[in-house]
Amino acid sequence: MNSTFRRTALASVFLAGLGGFAAMAAPPAGSGDPTAVRPAPPATAAKPMEVTAEQRIADLRAKLLITPAQQPLWDQFAQGMRNNAKSMDQMFEARAKAMGTMTAVDNMRSYAKVSEQHARDMQSLVPLFDALYGAMPDAQKRTADQVFHDNADRRASGPR
């Protein structure tokens, strides 16, 4: 179910960068115990969502050919992505720490909270991207439309 959630979340919003959810909930390799929980990463380790967000920000900026005039709007959008990634990393870390003591019902509640936060995060990105998109000439909007369409198609078709 975790990998299904991951694929669904990524497909619905590749901007949020939810990769890493399954890895945090997965048992350690070779543990033989399906209930074992991978320990939280050390505090100095890069957070999975934040890393994914930075990669996505760089990828989008390059593909969308952001102009100097659009830079202030882009910076606001990119910061929104970073903020969302940070909040998701915090949620995933808390979820991973609690996983070992969660009942099945607790697990479902935790999963629902992650989904709710994901939806709120996406809602916060929409006006930021809308402002940027509004500042784009038609050719650049077509490029943006294609980039988002291609990513949605790739995610909907599942792993390759």
Protein backbone atom coordinates (compact mmCIF):
# COMPACT_ATOMS: atom_id res chain seq x y z
CA MET A 1 0.00 0.00 0.00
CA ASN A 2 2.86 2.41 0.71
CA SER A 3 4.27 2.11 -2.81
CA THR A 4 0.77 2.61 -4.24
CA PHE A 5 0.40 5.74 -2.14
CA ARG A 6 3.80 6.93 -3.30
CA ARG A 7 2.97 6.43 -6.98
CA THR A 8 -0.45 8.06 -6.55
CA ALA A 9 0.94 11.02 -4.67
CA LEU A 10 3.71 11.54 -7.19
CA ALA A 11 1.29 11.24 -10.08
CA SER A 12 -1.12 13.73 -8.60
CA VAL A 13 1.58 16.17 -7.67
CA PHE A 14 5.10 15.70 -8.83
CA LEU A 15 5.78 19.19 -7.48
CA ALA A 16 5.35 18.13 -3.90
CA GLY A 17 8.05 15.48 -4.08
CA LEU A 18 6.65 12.78 -1.89
CA GLY A 19 9.25 10.19 -2.79
CA GLY A 20 10.68 8.51 0.26
CA PHE A 21 7.38 7.64 1.96
CA ALA A 22 7.70 3.98 1.12
CA ALA A 23 11.37 3.88 2.11
CA MET A 24 10.67 5.27 5.56
CA ALA A 25 7.90 2.77 6.20
CA ALA A 26 9.69 -0.22 4.70
CA PRO A 27 11.40 -2.78 6.89
CA PRO A 28 15.19 -2.77 6.82
CA ALA A 29 16.63 -4.94 4.08
CA GLY A 30 17.37 -8.45 5.23
CA SER A 31 15.59 -8.01 8.56
CA GLY A 32 13.19 -10.88 7.84
CA ASP A 33 10.69 -9.10 10.09
CA PRO A 34 7.88 -7.51 8.05
CA THR A 35 6.93 -5.37 11.05
CA ALA A 36 10.42 -3.94 11.55
CA VAL A 37 10.71 -0.22 10.90
CA ARG A 38 13.68 1.44 9.32
CA PRO A 39 15.25 3.81 11.85
CA ALA A 40 14.94 7.52 11.23
CA PRO A 41 17.90 8.99 9.36
CA PRO A 42 20.52 10.85 11.39
CA ALA A 43 19.77 14.53 11.91
CA THR A 44 22.65 15.46 9.61
CA ALA A 45 21.33 13.38 6.69
CA ALA A 46 19.57 15.15 3.85
CA LYS A 47 15.81 14.82 4.09
CA PRO A 48 14.28 12.82 1.21
CA MET A 49 11.54 15.30 0.30
CA GLU A 50 13.85 18.26 0.47
CA VAL A 51 16.34 16.57 -1.84
CA THR A 52 13.58 15.57 -4.25
CA ALA A 53 12.16 19.09 -4.19
CA GLU A 54 15.54 20.64 -5.02
CA GLN A 55 15.96 18.22 -7.93
CA ARG A 56 12.45 19.02 -9.17
CA ILE A 57 13.00 22.77 -8.80
CA ALA A 58 16.18 22.60 -10.88
CA ASP A 59 14.54 20.36 -13.48
CA LEU A 60 11.46 22.55 -13.82
CA ARG A 61 13.45 25.77 -13.98
CA ALA A 62 15.55 24.40 -16.81
CA LYS A 63 12.59 23.01 -18.76
CA LEU A 64 10.42 26.09 -18.30
CA LEU A 65 13.22 28.47 -19.32
CA ILE A 66 12.48 30.95 -16.54
CA THR A 67 13.46 34.47 -17.59
CA PRO A 68 15.06 37.10 -15.36
CA ALA A 69 11.75 39.01 -15.34
CA GLN A 70 9.97 35.88 -14.07
CA GLN A 71 12.60 35.14 -11.42
CA PRO A 72 10.77 36.77 -8.45
CA LEU A 73 7.62 34.72 -9.19
CA TRP A 74 9.72 31.60 -9.72
CA ASP A 75 11.51 32.18 -6.41
CA GLN A 76 8.16 32.34 -4.57
CA PHE A 77 6.98 29.13 -6.21
CA ALA A 78 10.28 27.34 -5.52
CA GLN A 79 10.19 28.46 -1.89
CA GLY A 80 6.66 27.07 -1.61
CA MET A 81 7.96 23.73 -2.88
CA ARG A 82 10.79 23.83 -0.35
CA ASN A 83 8.42 24.65 2.51
CA ASN A 84 6.11 21.80 1.52
CA ALA A 85 9.00 19.36 1.29
CA LYS A 86 10.24 20.36 4.72
CA SER A 87 6.81 19.88 6.31
CA MET A 88 6.43 16.49 4.62
CA ASP A 89 9.87 15.40 5.79
CA GLN A 90 8.85 16.29 9.33
CA MET A 91 5.60 14.33 9.01
CA PHE A 92 7.36 11.29 7.56
CA GLU A 93 10.02 11.38 10.25
CA ALA A 94 7.40 11.51 13.00
CA ARG A 95 5.44 8.73 11.30
CA ALA A 96 8.53 6.53 10.99
CA LYS A 97 9.42 7.04 14.66
CA ALA A 98 5.89 6.07 15.74
CA MET A 99 5.44 3.19 13.30
CA GLY A 100 6.70 0.52 15.67
CA THR A 101 4.02 1.25 18.23
CA MET A 102 1.13 2.01 15.88
CA THR A 103 -1.91 -0.15 15.70
CA ALA A 104 -3.44 -0.74 12.27
CA VAL A 105 -5.98 1.99 13.02
CA ASP A 106 -3.23 4.39 14.14
CA ASN A 107 -1.39 3.61 10.92
CA MET A 108 -4.46 4.48 8.85
CA ARG A 109 -4.98 7.71 10.79
CA SER A 110 -1.36 8.66 10.26
CA TYR A 111 -1.64 7.88 6.55
CA ALA A 112 -4.77 10.04 6.36
CA LYS A 113 -2.94 12.94 8.02
CA VAL A 114 -0.14 12.69 5.47
CA SER A 115 -2.71 12.71 2.65
CA GLU A 116 -4.48 15.73 4.15
CA GLN A 117 -1.21 17.62 4.50
CA HIS A 118 -0.30 16.76 0.93
CA ALA A 119 -3.59 18.25 -0.28
CA ARG A 120 -3.04 21.44 1.77
CA ASP A 121 0.50 21.73 0.43
CA MET A 122 -0.73 21.44 -3.14
CA GLN A 123 -3.41 24.05 -2.54
CA SER A 124 -0.69 26.42 -1.32
CA LEU A 125 1.31 25.88 -4.53
CA VAL A 126 -1.53 26.53 -6.96
CA PRO A 127 -1.70 30.33 -6.58
CA LEU A 128 2.09 30.59 -6.67
CA PHE A 129 2.31 28.67 -9.92
CA ASP A 130 -0.77 30.44 -11.30
CA ALA A 131 0.98 33.79 -10.87
CA LEU A 132 4.11 32.49 -12.61
CA TYR A 133 2.10 30.87 -15.40
CA GLY A 134 0.21 34.14 -15.91
CA ALA A 135 3.53 35.92 -16.49
CA MET A 136 4.54 33.48 -19.24
CA PRO A 137 4.12 34.19 -22.94
CA ASP A 138 1.93 31.68 -24.81
CA ALA A 139 4.86 29.64 -26.15
CA GLN A 140 6.28 29.21 -22.65
CA LYS A 141 2.80 28.28 -21.34
CA ARG A 142 2.60 25.56 -23.98
CA THR A 143 5.98 24.28 -22.81
CA ALA A 144 4.77 24.27 -19.19
CA ASP A 145 1.58 22.48 -20.21
CA GLN A 146 3.63 19.84 -22.02
CA VAL A 147 6.08 19.37 -19.14
CA PHE A 148 3.23 18.81 -16.68
CA HIS A 149 1.34 16.60 -19.13
CA ASP A 150 4.39 14.45 -19.86
CA ASN A 151 5.11 13.98 -16.18
CA ALA A 152 1.50 13.03 -15.42
CA ASP A 153 1.55 10.52 -18.29
CA ARG A 154 4.83 9.03 -17.08
CA ARG A 155 3.56 8.70 -13.50
CA ALA A 156 0.17 7.30 -14.54
CA SER A 157 1.79 4.53 -16.56
CA GLY A 158 3.59 3.30 -13.44
CA PRO A 159 7.16 2.15 -12.99
CA ARG A 160 9.05 1.20 -16.10
